[in-house]
Structures are given as C-alpha cells and as structure tokens.
C-alpha atoms as a PDB file:
ATOM      1  CA  UNK A   1      -2.886  19.634 -14.810  1.00  0.00           C
ATOM      2  CA  UNK A   2      -3.034  22.101 -11.979  1.00  0.00           C
ATOM      3  CA  UNK A   3      -2.068  21.231  -8.450  1.00  0.00           C
ATOM      4  CA  UNK A   4      -4.479  19.126  -6.431  1.00  0.00           C
ATOM      5  CA  UNK A   5      -6.942  21.215  -4.438  1.00  0.00           C
ATOM      6  CA  UNK A   6      -8.425  20.354  -1.045  1.00  0.00           C
ATOM      7  CA  UNK A   7     -11.895  18.834  -1.187  1.00  0.00           C
ATOM      8  CA  UNK A   8     -14.698  20.866   0.321  1.00  0.00           C
ATOM      9  CA  UNK A   9     -16.984  19.702   3.098  1.00  0.00           C
ATOM     10  CA  UNK A  10     -16.173  16.759   5.334  1.00  0.00           C
ATOM     11  CA  UNK A  11     -14.002  15.054   2.720  1.00  0.00           C
ATOM     12  CA  UNK A  12     -10.352  15.177   3.677  1.00  0.00           C
ATOM     13  CA  UNK A  13      -8.921  14.061   0.353  1.00  0.00           C
ATOM     14  CA  UNK A  14      -7.786  16.028  -2.643  1.00  0.00           C
ATOM     15  CA  UNK A  15      -9.468  16.544  -5.976  1.00  0.00           C
ATOM     16  CA  UNK A  16      -7.293  16.755  -9.064  1.00  0.00           C
ATOM     17  CA  UNK A  17      -8.312  19.610 -11.347  1.00  0.00           C
ATOM     18  CA  UNK A  18      -7.186  18.850 -14.909  1.00  0.00           C
ATOM     19  CA  UNK A  19      -6.139  21.419 -17.481  1.00  0.00           C
ATOM     20  CA  UNK A  20      -7.450  20.265 -20.862  1.00  0.00           C
ATOM     21  CA  UNK A  21      -4.587  21.882 -22.765  1.00  0.00           C
ATOM     22  CA  UNK A  22      -1.934  20.224 -20.591  1.00  0.00           C
ATOM     23  CA  UNK A  23      -3.459  16.790 -19.961  1.00  0.00           C
ATOM     24  CA  UNK A  24      -1.744  13.939 -21.817  1.00  0.00           C
ATOM     25  CA  UNK A  25      -3.723  12.236 -24.549  1.00  0.00           C
ATOM     26  CA  UNK A  26      -4.688   8.636 -23.962  1.00  0.00           C
ATOM     27  CA  UNK A  27      -7.587   6.187 -23.633  1.00  0.00           C
ATOM     28  CA  UNK A  28     -10.500   7.313 -21.507  1.00  0.00           C
ATOM     29  CA  UNK A  29     -11.701   5.121 -18.640  1.00  0.00           C
ATOM     30  CA  UNK A  30     -15.225   3.769 -18.753  1.00  0.00           C
ATOM     31  CA  UNK A  31     -17.876   5.169 -16.387  1.00  0.00           C
ATOM     32  CA  UNK A  32     -18.015   1.712 -14.802  1.00  0.00           C
ATOM     33  CA  UNK A  33     -14.429   2.055 -13.598  1.00  0.00           C
ATOM     34  CA  UNK A  34     -15.203   5.397 -11.994  1.00  0.00           C
ATOM     35  CA  UNK A  35     -18.174   3.783 -10.246  1.00  0.00           C
ATOM     36  CA  UNK A  36     -15.929   1.044  -8.891  1.00  0.00           C
ATOM     37  CA  UNK A  37     -13.578   3.676  -7.450  1.00  0.00           C
ATOM     38  CA  UNK A  38     -16.589   5.457  -5.936  1.00  0.00           C
ATOM     39  CA  UNK A  39     -17.773   2.189  -4.383  1.00  0.00           C
ATOM     40  CA  UNK A  40     -14.368   1.398  -2.880  1.00  0.00           C
ATOM     41  CA  UNK A  41     -13.878   4.923  -1.568  1.00  0.00           C
ATOM     42  CA  UNK A  42     -17.427   5.042  -0.241  1.00  0.00           C
ATOM     43  CA  UNK A  43     -16.959   1.878   1.820  1.00  0.00           C
ATOM     44  CA  UNK A  44     -13.529   0.901   3.132  1.00  0.00           C
ATOM     45  CA  UNK A  45     -12.097   4.172   1.859  1.00  0.00           C
ATOM     46  CA  UNK A  46     -14.067   6.030   4.502  1.00  0.00           C
ATOM     47  CA  UNK A  47     -11.813   4.664   7.251  1.00  0.00           C
ATOM     48  CA  UNK A  48      -8.918   6.973   8.230  1.00  0.00           C
ATOM     49  CA  UNK A  49      -6.934   3.881   9.225  1.00  0.00           C
ATOM     50  CA  UNK A  50      -7.358   2.409   5.744  1.00  0.00           C
ATOM     51  CA  UNK A  51      -6.275   5.672   4.110  1.00  0.00           C
ATOM     52  CA  UNK A  52      -3.233   5.853   6.379  1.00  0.00           C
ATOM     53  CA  UNK A  53      -2.261   2.264   5.587  1.00  0.00           C
ATOM     54  CA  UNK A  54      -2.770   2.827   1.858  1.00  0.00           C
ATOM     55  CA  UNK A  55      -0.541   5.900   1.963  1.00  0.00           C
ATOM     56  CA  UNK A  56       2.126   3.927   3.787  1.00  0.00           C
ATOM     57  CA  UNK A  57       2.000   1.249   1.101  1.00  0.00           C
ATOM     58  CA  UNK A  58       2.223   3.954  -1.539  1.00  0.00           C
ATOM     59  CA  UNK A  59       5.396   5.407  -0.032  1.00  0.00           C
ATOM     60  CA  UNK A  60       6.908   1.948   0.458  1.00  0.00           C
ATOM     61  CA  UNK A  61       6.300   0.958  -3.160  1.00  0.00           C
ATOM     62  CA  UNK A  62       7.321   4.244  -4.808  1.00  0.00           C
ATOM     63  CA  UNK A  63       9.825   3.472  -7.584  1.00  0.00           C
ATOM     64  CA  UNK A  64      10.005  -0.087  -6.118  1.00  0.00           C
ATOM     65  CA  UNK A  65      12.350   1.263  -3.418  1.00  0.00           C
ATOM     66  CA  UNK A  66      10.825  -0.739  -0.576  1.00  0.00           C
ATOM     67  CA  UNK A  67      11.276  -3.995  -2.462  1.00  0.00           C
ATOM     68  CA  UNK A  68      14.832  -3.065  -3.405  1.00  0.00           C
ATOM     69  CA  UNK A  69      15.554  -2.464   0.276  1.00  0.00           C
ATOM     70  CA  UNK A  70      14.188  -5.864   1.280  1.00  0.00           C
ATOM     71  CA  UNK A  71      16.216  -7.555  -1.450  1.00  0.00           C
ATOM     72  CA  UNK A  72      19.376  -5.761  -0.322  1.00  0.00           C
ATOM     73  CA  UNK A  73      18.908  -6.850   3.290  1.00  0.00           C
ATOM     74  CA  UNK A  74      18.193 -10.396   2.172  1.00  0.00           C
ATOM     75  CA  UNK A  75      21.368 -10.494   0.083  1.00  0.00           C
ATOM     76  CA  UNK A  76      23.399  -9.301   3.060  1.00  0.00           C
ATOM     77  CA  UNK A  77      22.074 -11.771   5.629  1.00  0.00           C
ATOM     78  CA  UNK A  78      21.471 -14.776   3.355  1.00  0.00           C
ATOM     79  CA  UNK A  79      24.747 -15.023   1.445  1.00  0.00           C
ATOM     80  CA  UNK A  80      24.223 -18.572   0.104  1.00  0.00           C
ATOM     81  CA  UNK A  81      21.179 -17.305  -1.833  1.00  0.00           C
ATOM     82  CA  UNK A  82      22.553 -13.903  -2.751  1.00  0.00           C
ATOM     83  CA  UNK A  83      21.850 -14.507  -6.448  1.00  0.00           C
ATOM     84  CA  UNK A  84      18.174 -15.192  -5.738  1.00  0.00           C
ATOM     85  CA  UNK A  85      17.876 -12.028  -3.638  1.00  0.00           C
ATOM     86  CA  UNK A  86      19.490 -10.096  -6.466  1.00  0.00           C
ATOM     87  CA  UNK A  87      16.836 -11.609  -8.709  1.00  0.00           C
ATOM     88  CA  UNK A  88      14.147 -10.111  -6.487  1.00  0.00           C
ATOM     89  CA  UNK A  89      15.708  -6.678  -6.917  1.00  0.00           C
ATOM     90  CA  UNK A  90      16.120  -7.107 -10.665  1.00  0.00           C
ATOM     91  CA  UNK A  91      12.559  -8.360 -11.026  1.00  0.00           C
ATOM     92  CA  UNK A  92      10.978  -5.573  -8.987  1.00  0.00           C
ATOM     93  CA  UNK A  93      12.961  -2.770 -10.566  1.00  0.00           C
ATOM     94  CA  UNK A  94      12.717  -4.226 -14.061  1.00  0.00           C
ATOM     95  CA  UNK A  95       8.953  -4.524 -13.700  1.00  0.00           C
ATOM     96  CA  UNK A  96       8.765  -0.932 -12.511  1.00  0.00           C
ATOM     97  CA  UNK A  97      10.848   0.262 -15.446  1.00  0.00           C
ATOM     98  CA  UNK A  98       8.670  -1.652 -17.909  1.00  0.00           C
ATOM     99  CA  UNK A  99       5.535  -0.095 -16.467  1.00  0.00           C
ATOM    100  CA  UNK A 100       6.989   3.403 -16.825  1.00  0.00           C
ATOM    101  CA  UNK A 101       7.787   2.769 -20.482  1.00  0.00           C
ATOM    102  CA  UNK A 102       4.259   1.512 -21.131  1.00  0.00           C
ATOM    103  CA  UNK A 103       2.786   4.508 -19.311  1.00  0.00           C
ATOM    104  CA  UNK A 104       4.620   6.869 -21.644  1.00  0.00           C
ATOM    105  CA  UNK A 105       3.283   4.980 -24.648  1.00  0.00           C
ATOM    106  CA  UNK A 106      -0.333   4.622 -23.495  1.00  0.00           C
ATOM    107  CA  UNK A 107      -0.535   8.051 -21.795  1.00  0.00           C
ATOM    108  CA  UNK A 108      -3.764   7.424 -19.931  1.00  0.00           C
ATOM    109  CA  UNK A 109      -4.601  10.127 -17.394  1.00  0.00           C
ATOM    110  CA  UNK A 110      -5.058   9.279 -13.746  1.00  0.00           C
ATOM    111  CA  UNK A 111      -8.610   9.409 -12.361  1.00  0.00           C
ATOM    112  CA  UNK A 112      -9.819  12.995 -12.446  1.00  0.00           C
ATOM    113  CA  UNK A 113     -13.604  12.683 -12.162  1.00  0.00           C
ATOM    114  CA  UNK A 114     -14.899  15.181  -9.572  1.00  0.00           C
ATOM    115  CA  UNK A 115     -16.407  12.313  -7.599  1.00  0.00           C
ATOM    116  CA  UNK A 116     -13.003  10.696  -7.032  1.00  0.00           C
ATOM    117  CA  UNK A 117     -10.949  11.686  -4.005  1.00  0.00           C
ATOM    118  CA  UNK A 118      -7.202  11.694  -4.581  1.00  0.00           C
ATOM    119  CA  UNK A 119      -5.614  10.914  -1.232  1.00  0.00           C
ATOM    120  CA  UNK A 120      -1.903  10.852  -2.068  1.00  0.00           C
ATOM    121  CA  UNK A 121       0.506  12.722  -4.310  1.00  0.00           C
ATOM    122  CA  UNK A 122       1.954  11.023  -7.396  1.00  0.00           C
ATOM    123  CA  UNK A 123       5.157  11.632  -9.385  1.00  0.00           C
ATOM    124  CA  UNK A 124       3.360  11.655 -12.740  1.00  0.00           C
ATOM    125  CA  UNK A 125      -0.045  12.194 -14.333  1.00  0.00           C
ATOM    126  CA  UNK A 126       0.019   8.854 -16.119  1.00  0.00           C
ATOM    127  CA  UNK A 127      -2.045   5.920 -14.952  1.00  0.00           C
ATOM    128  CA  UNK A 128      -1.773   2.755 -17.067  1.00  0.00           C
ATOM    129  CA  UNK A 129      -0.431   0.416 -15.825  1.00  0.00           C
ATOM    130  CA  UNK A 130       0.053   0.866 -12.095  1.00  0.00           C
ATOM    131  CA  UNK A 131       3.770   0.753 -11.325  1.00  0.00           C
ATOM    132  CA  UNK A 132       3.050  -0.105  -7.697  1.00  0.00           C
ATOM    133  CA  UNK A 133       0.989  -3.117  -8.771  1.00  0.00           C
ATOM    134  CA  UNK A 134       3.666  -4.142 -11.262  1.00  0.00           C
ATOM    135  CA  UNK A 135       6.674  -4.050  -8.938  1.00  0.00           C
ATOM    136  CA  UNK A 136       4.747  -5.490  -5.977  1.00  0.00           C
ATOM    137  CA  UNK A 137       3.527  -8.484  -7.968  1.00  0.00           C
ATOM    138  CA  UNK A 138       6.992  -9.175  -9.351  1.00  0.00           C
ATOM    139  CA  UNK A 139       8.573  -8.898  -5.898  1.00  0.00           C
ATOM    140  CA  UNK A 140       5.869 -11.000  -4.236  1.00  0.00           C
ATOM    141  CA  UNK A 141       6.197 -13.820  -6.769  1.00  0.00           C
ATOM    142  CA  UNK A 142       9.982 -13.883  -6.495  1.00  0.00           C
ATOM    143  CA  UNK A 143      10.004 -13.561  -2.703  1.00  0.00           C
ATOM    144  CA  UNK A 144       7.371 -16.277  -2.457  1.00  0.00           C
ATOM    145  CA  UNK A 145       9.507 -18.593  -4.551  1.00  0.00           C
ATOM    146  CA  UNK A 146      12.547 -17.771  -2.414  1.00  0.00           C
ATOM    147  CA  UNK A 147      10.867 -18.158   0.986  1.00  0.00           C
ATOM    148  CA  UNK A 148       8.265 -20.804   0.239  1.00  0.00           C
ATOM    149  CA  UNK A 149       5.526 -18.526   1.582  1.00  0.00           C
ATOM    150  CA  UNK A 150       2.273 -17.619  -0.257  1.00  0.00           C
ATOM    151  CA  UNK A 151       3.352 -13.996  -0.542  1.00  0.00           C
ATOM    152  CA  UNK A 152       1.526 -13.147  -3.799  1.00  0.00           C
ATOM    153  CA  UNK A 153      -1.809 -13.898  -2.143  1.00  0.00           C
ATOM    154  CA  UNK A 154      -0.836 -11.878   0.934  1.00  0.00           C
ATOM    155  CA  UNK A 155       0.879  -8.863  -0.611  1.00  0.00           C
ATOM    156  CA  UNK A 156      -0.634  -8.268  -4.037  1.00  0.00           C
ATOM    157  CA  UNK A 157      -4.382  -7.772  -3.338  1.00  0.00           C
ATOM    158  CA  UNK A 158      -3.827  -5.134  -0.616  1.00  0.00           C
ATOM    159  CA  UNK A 159      -1.480  -3.128  -2.850  1.00  0.00           C
ATOM    160  CA  UNK A 160      -3.882  -3.274  -5.794  1.00  0.00           C
ATOM    161  CA  UNK A 161      -6.803  -2.223  -3.617  1.00  0.00           C
ATOM    162  CA  UNK A 162      -4.788   0.568  -1.992  1.00  0.00           C
ATOM    163  CA  UNK A 163      -4.232   2.278  -5.350  1.00  0.00           C
ATOM    164  CA  UNK A 164      -7.979   2.418  -5.925  1.00  0.00           C
ATOM    165  CA  UNK A 165      -8.650   3.531  -2.341  1.00  0.00           C
ATOM    166  CA  UNK A 166      -6.240   6.423  -2.869  1.00  0.00           C
ATOM    167  CA  UNK A 167      -7.985   7.382  -6.099  1.00  0.00           C
ATOM    168  CA  UNK A 168      -4.848   7.345  -8.225  1.00  0.00           C
ATOM    169  CA  UNK A 169      -5.633   4.332 -10.429  1.00  0.00           C
ATOM    170  CA  UNK A 170      -8.518   2.709 -12.235  1.00  0.00           C
ATOM    171  CA  UNK A 171      -9.164  -1.013 -11.623  1.00  0.00           C
ATOM    172  CA  UNK A 172      -7.826  -1.881 -15.079  1.00  0.00           C
ATOM    173  CA  UNK A 173      -4.576  -0.059 -14.234  1.00  0.00           C
ATOM    174  CA  UNK A 174      -3.846  -2.280 -11.261  1.00  0.00           C
ATOM    175  CA  UNK A 175      -4.937  -5.497 -12.968  1.00  0.00           C
ATOM    176  CA  UNK A 176      -2.748  -4.793 -15.987  1.00  0.00           C
ATOM    177  CA  UNK A 177       0.131  -3.839 -13.699  1.00  0.00           C
ATOM    178  CA  UNK A 178      -0.197  -7.083 -11.769  1.00  0.00           C
ATOM    179  CA  UNK A 179      -0.181  -9.116 -14.984  1.00  0.00           C
ATOM    180  CA  UNK A 180       2.939  -7.278 -16.150  1.00  0.00           C
ATOM    181  CA  UNK A 181       4.611  -7.901 -12.796  1.00  0.00           C
ATOM    182  CA  UNK A 182       3.853 -11.618 -12.983  1.00  0.00           C
ATOM    183  CA  UNK A 183       5.342 -11.736 -16.475  1.00  0.00           C
ATOM    184  CA  UNK A 184       8.448  -9.911 -15.253  1.00  0.00           C
ATOM    185  CA  UNK A 185       8.874 -12.377 -12.392  1.00  0.00           C
ATOM    186  CA  UNK A 186       8.487 -15.290 -14.798  1.00  0.00           C
ATOM    187  CA  UNK A 187      11.248 -13.831 -16.974  1.00  0.00           C
ATOM    188  CA  UNK A 188      13.587 -13.578 -13.965  1.00  0.00           C
ATOM    189  CA  UNK A 189      12.835 -17.158 -12.891  1.00  0.00           C
ATOM    190  CA  UNK A 190      13.479 -18.401 -16.421  1.00  0.00           C
ATOM    191  CA  UNK A 191      16.804 -16.558 -16.486  1.00  0.00           C
ATOM    192  CA  UNK A 192      17.792 -18.062 -13.121  1.00  0.00           C
ATOM    193  CA  UNK A 193      17.092 -21.550 -14.438  1.00  0.00           C
ATOM    194  CA  UNK A 194      19.296 -20.945 -17.452  1.00  0.00           C
ATOM    195  CA  UNK A 195      22.115 -19.647 -15.260  1.00  0.00           C
ATOM    196  CA  UNK A 196      21.833 -22.654 -12.962  1.00  0.00           C
ATOM    197  CA  UNK A 197      22.506 -25.112 -15.814  1.00  0.00           C
END
C-alpha cells in the first residue's frame, strides 16, 4: 500500500491508495459497511472538533499505552488495591496483544474505498479486529469494576465511533474488538477471583 495522499477539494482528510500486489489478503468488507462509514463521516465526521477529539483518542489508545499509564498511576496512589490496578494493565495489554494476533491471522485490509476519508495514520494495514476497541473495552470493564463507575457505557461507545469517524475501521472491526475486550476482562476477573481464594 502506498503512502496516504491528501484528499482533493475541501476535504482535509487522507485517502489511502492501495497497491494490489502489496495488499494483504483477507475478507472483503460488505458495501453496507462502507456506507455506514460514509454516513458517519458525512454527519458528525464533518466537525473539525470531532476529528480532533477522535485523533486524540487514537493517540491515547495506541498500543493500549494510555490505559497502561492510568493503571500505573492507580497502582502508585492506591497501594491497597495495587493487584487490581495491575489487573487493569494486564487486561488492557493482553487484549491488545490478542487483537494483534487475530489481525495477523485474518489479514483484513483497512477501509480503502475512495469515498472513505482516512483522518489519522496507523501502524499497520490490518483492520480486524480494532485493537483500540479491544483494549478500551477491557480497560473500561476492569476500571468500572474497580471504581464502581459505569465506565464501559461512558468510554467504549466514543472509542468505537471514533475509529469509524477516522476511517480506519469498519463497524464489524470495532464490534468484534469490543467483544474480544470484554472476554479479556472477564478472563482477568476470573483469575483475580481464583487468586483471592
């Protein structure tokens, strides 16, 4: 895949121009998913403030680093629950790692339809599942359990939507990533229960 090229006209995003001989093989997204991206980008995705916020979320969630940082701070200031904060880090990073493995198996290309604006750079060409959705869901579930706050409902939908706004994931990518993240969080919680016995 060649480097992203600036969009022409009033669009300020980037279009990804794929090279057929270099693009990874994988399942092809349905036209309906492209239409959903078009709808999202044609509505809330027209706001510069939304694009800026989505990019900020993208940078925060890259490689689950933002969640690891929060877990580290929590472990430092909340020593009685240090194990639970470590669980947040393990859950977020483990979920991210699982998503990367699945991406390399599935090898689905990121959105590359000419109608889709790509508004942020990505470290890979692979799309399914969304690692941001995976690690964010895992972290939100574990942080919600730790704090007693409804964090999954607050944190997960914006992150999932942001990946579509930025044009780097199909809807099925983020939904699958969120399901994987929830499963990863459940595994961490189960392990914590066993350790507590």
